[in-house]
């Protein structure tokens, strides 16, 4: 590496090293040889993945890619041999399911060091849906009830954020409505990706004897 070197001295610094040796005879003739070596004492690490760790996706995952911090000899993703190119490992197709997915990653670098990792991503490929119901049945627009009702807001995922209004005021699903007259119920469900679904219905209560 450009500095004097004493034969037999241990080289412990990781990375590439260039050793140049020169010999000179009594007549002044000189010859030299070079050796380039790499010292790798550290197991490979994951720099990034695609999809990113913890990502929430709205579409199916077809390919999973891992980028390591050093060149790889081999890799497996989700228990399957991955295609390796330099420091990148790719698996396609990759198995996934709706909801949370855990991915096991195993890397081996050129020095034979191995390391294992766990990463995750979530798939929500189904967009939100919402329904306005009473006693488990859809509330038909323009319906008339002769009793108090408890409108319910039903979505296809309990994790969705739901906002609802009854006659312009905030409404909580299942709350009793007992005032005679016309009512308008509207609600919107929004998922983690910002996709939303809305529904609005009008109904009439006739509680007069």
Protein backbone atom coordinates (compact mmCIF):
# COMPACT_ATOMS: atom_id res chain seq x y z
CA UNK A 1 0.00 0.00 0.00
CA UNK A 2 2.96 2.31 -0.56
CA UNK A 3 4.40 1.92 2.97
CA UNK A 4 7.50 -0.13 3.96
CA UNK A 5 6.63 -3.71 4.86
CA UNK A 6 8.60 -6.24 6.88
CA UNK A 7 8.25 -9.82 5.72
CA UNK A 8 6.14 -11.86 8.12
CA UNK A 9 4.27 -8.91 9.59
CA UNK A 10 0.55 -9.67 9.99
CA UNK A 11 -1.85 -7.65 7.82
CA UNK A 12 -5.14 -7.28 9.68
CA UNK A 13 -6.82 -4.24 8.15
CA UNK A 14 -9.87 -5.15 6.08
CA UNK A 15 -9.96 -4.20 2.44
CA UNK A 16 -7.67 -4.44 -0.58
CA UNK A 17 -3.90 -4.42 -0.14
CA UNK A 18 -1.12 -4.19 -2.73
CA UNK A 19 2.20 -5.80 -1.80
CA UNK A 20 5.20 -4.94 -3.96
CA UNK A 21 8.50 -6.82 -3.43
CA UNK A 22 11.76 -5.76 -5.08
CA UNK A 23 15.08 -7.60 -5.17
CA UNK A 24 18.41 -6.14 -6.25
CA UNK A 25 21.55 -8.19 -6.90
CA UNK A 26 25.20 -7.21 -6.51
CA UNK A 27 25.32 -5.89 -10.05
CA UNK A 28 22.39 -3.58 -9.43
CA UNK A 29 19.87 -5.58 -11.39
CA UNK A 30 16.38 -5.16 -9.95
CA UNK A 31 13.24 -7.19 -10.30
CA UNK A 32 9.84 -6.87 -8.63
CA UNK A 33 6.61 -8.79 -8.13
CA UNK A 34 3.17 -7.52 -7.09
CA UNK A 35 0.40 -9.21 -5.18
CA UNK A 36 -3.09 -7.81 -4.70
CA UNK A 37 -5.09 -9.32 -1.85
CA UNK A 38 -8.32 -8.60 -0.02
CA UNK A 39 -8.90 -9.20 3.68
CA UNK A 40 -12.51 -9.78 4.67
CA UNK A 41 -13.21 -10.52 8.33
CA UNK A 42 -16.84 -9.39 8.44
CA UNK A 43 -20.05 -11.24 7.53
CA UNK A 44 -22.16 -9.58 4.82
CA UNK A 45 -24.87 -7.14 5.87
CA UNK A 46 -28.14 -6.17 4.19
CA UNK A 47 -28.05 -2.58 2.98
CA UNK A 48 -31.54 -2.49 1.50
CA UNK A 49 -34.39 -4.60 0.16
CA UNK A 50 -37.09 -4.10 -2.44
CA UNK A 51 -39.80 -4.01 -1.18
CA UNK A 52 -38.31 -2.07 1.73
CA UNK A 53 -38.46 -3.58 5.20
CA UNK A 54 -41.86 -2.78 6.75
CA UNK A 55 -43.32 -1.49 3.47
CA UNK A 56 -47.11 -1.48 3.02
CA UNK A 57 -48.04 -2.27 -0.59
CA UNK A 58 -51.25 -2.09 -2.57
CA UNK A 59 -50.19 -4.53 -5.28
CA UNK A 60 -48.84 -8.10 -5.42
CA UNK A 61 -45.08 -8.58 -5.06
CA UNK A 62 -43.49 -10.31 -8.07
CA UNK A 63 -39.78 -9.83 -7.31
CA UNK A 64 -37.78 -9.50 -4.10
CA UNK A 65 -34.30 -7.94 -4.20
CA UNK A 66 -31.58 -7.72 -1.56
CA UNK A 67 -28.58 -5.40 -1.79
CA UNK A 68 -25.65 -6.35 0.46
CA UNK A 69 -22.63 -4.31 1.54
CA UNK A 70 -20.18 -6.65 -0.20
CA UNK A 71 -19.96 -8.95 -3.19
CA UNK A 72 -21.87 -12.20 -2.70
CA UNK A 73 -21.01 -15.78 -3.51
CA UNK A 74 -24.54 -17.05 -2.92
CA UNK A 75 -27.84 -16.09 -1.33
CA UNK A 76 -31.25 -17.49 -0.50
CA UNK A 77 -34.49 -15.56 -0.14
CA UNK A 78 -37.53 -17.10 1.50
CA UNK A 79 -35.76 -20.47 1.48
CA UNK A 80 -35.07 -20.43 -2.27
CA UNK A 81 -31.79 -19.91 -4.11
CA UNK A 82 -31.55 -16.35 -5.40
CA UNK A 83 -29.84 -15.07 -8.53
CA UNK A 84 -26.66 -13.25 -7.47
CA UNK A 85 -24.97 -10.44 -9.37
CA UNK A 86 -22.21 -8.66 -7.48
CA UNK A 87 -23.70 -7.50 -4.19
CA UNK A 88 -27.32 -7.97 -5.35
CA UNK A 89 -29.52 -11.04 -4.89
CA UNK A 90 -32.90 -11.40 -6.62
CA UNK A 91 -35.75 -13.89 -6.35
CA UNK A 92 -38.56 -13.93 -8.91
CA UNK A 93 -41.30 -14.92 -8.55
CA UNK A 94 -41.61 -14.61 -4.77
CA UNK A 95 -44.41 -16.08 -2.67
CA UNK A 96 -46.64 -13.61 -0.85
CA UNK A 97 -50.02 -13.50 0.85
CA UNK A 98 -52.55 -10.84 1.72
CA UNK A 99 -51.50 -9.16 4.95
CA UNK A 100 -48.15 -9.48 6.71
CA UNK A 101 -45.27 -11.36 5.04
CA UNK A 102 -41.99 -12.44 6.68
CA UNK A 103 -38.93 -13.00 4.47
CA UNK A 104 -35.88 -15.03 5.56
CA UNK A 105 -32.61 -13.95 3.95
CA UNK A 106 -29.29 -15.83 3.98
CA UNK A 107 -26.14 -14.31 2.49
CA UNK A 108 -22.66 -15.73 1.86
CA UNK A 109 -19.79 -13.48 0.75
CA UNK A 110 -16.72 -14.38 -1.30
CA UNK A 111 -14.73 -15.13 1.88
CA UNK A 112 -17.30 -17.70 2.98
CA UNK A 113 -18.81 -15.59 5.76
CA UNK A 114 -22.53 -16.22 6.24
CA UNK A 115 -25.29 -14.20 7.85
CA UNK A 116 -29.06 -14.53 8.25
CA UNK A 117 -31.69 -11.81 8.39
CA UNK A 118 -35.46 -11.37 8.70
CA UNK A 119 -37.36 -8.69 6.83
CA UNK A 120 -41.08 -8.04 6.35
CA UNK A 121 -43.62 -6.31 4.15
CA UNK A 122 -47.42 -6.07 4.10
CA UNK A 123 -49.71 -6.42 1.09
CA UNK A 124 -53.18 -4.87 0.99
CA UNK A 125 -54.22 -5.57 -2.59
CA UNK A 126 -57.94 -5.33 -1.80
CA UNK A 127 -59.26 -1.78 -1.72
CA UNK A 128 -61.57 -0.67 1.11
CA UNK A 129 -65.27 -1.39 0.99
CA UNK A 130 -67.96 0.02 3.26
CA UNK A 131 -71.59 -0.83 3.99
CA UNK A 132 -74.27 0.83 6.14
CA UNK A 133 -76.43 -1.73 7.92
CA UNK A 134 -79.21 -2.05 10.46
CA UNK A 135 -79.65 -5.35 12.32
CA UNK A 136 -77.19 -6.96 9.90
CA UNK A 137 -79.06 -5.93 6.75
CA UNK A 138 -78.19 -3.12 4.32
CA UNK A 139 -80.07 0.13 4.89
CA UNK A 140 -81.93 0.80 1.64
CA UNK A 141 -81.94 4.42 0.62
CA UNK A 142 -85.29 5.99 1.55
CA UNK A 143 -86.19 3.27 4.07
CA UNK A 144 -88.75 3.97 6.80
CA UNK A 145 -88.49 2.46 10.29
CA UNK A 146 -91.18 2.50 12.97
CA UNK A 147 -88.69 1.86 15.75
CA UNK A 148 -85.38 3.21 16.97
CA UNK A 149 -82.43 1.97 14.93
CA UNK A 150 -78.73 1.32 15.56
CA UNK A 151 -76.97 1.86 12.21
CA UNK A 152 -73.69 -0.01 11.84
CA UNK A 153 -70.74 0.84 9.60
CA UNK A 154 -69.12 -2.31 8.25
CA UNK A 155 -65.77 -2.38 6.40
CA UNK A 156 -63.75 -5.23 4.94
CA UNK A 157 -60.82 -4.53 7.28
CA UNK A 158 -61.14 -3.46 10.94
CA UNK A 159 -57.82 -1.61 10.60
CA UNK A 160 -59.38 0.98 8.30
CA UNK A 161 -59.94 4.47 9.65
CA UNK A 162 -63.67 5.24 9.62
CA UNK A 163 -65.24 8.69 9.73
CA UNK A 164 -69.01 9.01 9.86
CA UNK A 165 -71.67 11.69 10.19
CA UNK A 166 -75.38 11.55 10.95
CA UNK A 167 -77.25 14.66 9.89
CA UNK A 168 -73.93 16.57 9.75
CA UNK A 169 -72.73 15.55 13.24
CA UNK A 170 -70.07 12.97 14.10
CA UNK A 171 -71.52 9.48 14.43
CA UNK A 172 -70.22 6.30 16.07
CA UNK A 173 -71.22 2.97 14.55
CA UNK A 174 -73.99 1.26 16.52
CA UNK A 175 -75.26 4.41 18.25
CA UNK A 176 -79.05 4.48 18.72
CA UNK A 177 -81.03 6.84 16.52
CA UNK A 178 -84.45 7.48 18.05
CA UNK A 179 -85.60 10.87 16.74
CA UNK A 180 -88.52 10.83 14.34
CA UNK A 181 -87.96 12.40 10.96
CA UNK A 182 -85.56 12.16 8.06
CA UNK A 183 -81.89 11.27 8.64
CA UNK A 184 -78.82 11.14 6.44
CA UNK A 185 -75.92 8.85 7.36
CA UNK A 186 -72.59 9.08 5.52
CA UNK A 187 -69.32 7.27 6.19
CA UNK A 188 -65.85 6.90 4.69
CA UNK A 189 -63.29 4.14 5.30
CA UNK A 190 -59.60 4.84 4.55
CA UNK A 191 -56.74 2.34 4.53
CA UNK A 192 -53.00 2.77 5.21
CA UNK A 193 -52.35 3.57 1.56
CA UNK A 194 -54.85 6.42 1.49
CA UNK A 195 -57.41 4.53 -0.59
CA UNK A 196 -60.98 5.12 0.52
CA UNK A 197 -64.57 4.05 0.06
CA UNK A 198 -67.66 6.06 0.94
CA UNK A 199 -71.37 5.43 1.35
CA UNK A 200 -74.37 7.64 2.05
CA UNK A 201 -77.96 6.68 2.81
CA UNK A 202 -81.14 8.49 3.86
CA UNK A 203 -83.83 6.92 6.01
CA UNK A 204 -86.94 8.00 7.89
CA UNK A 205 -88.03 7.22 11.45
CA UNK A 206 -91.74 7.27 12.23
CA UNK A 207 -92.07 6.73 15.95
CA UNK A 208 -95.32 8.59 16.42
CA UNK A 209 -98.12 6.46 17.93
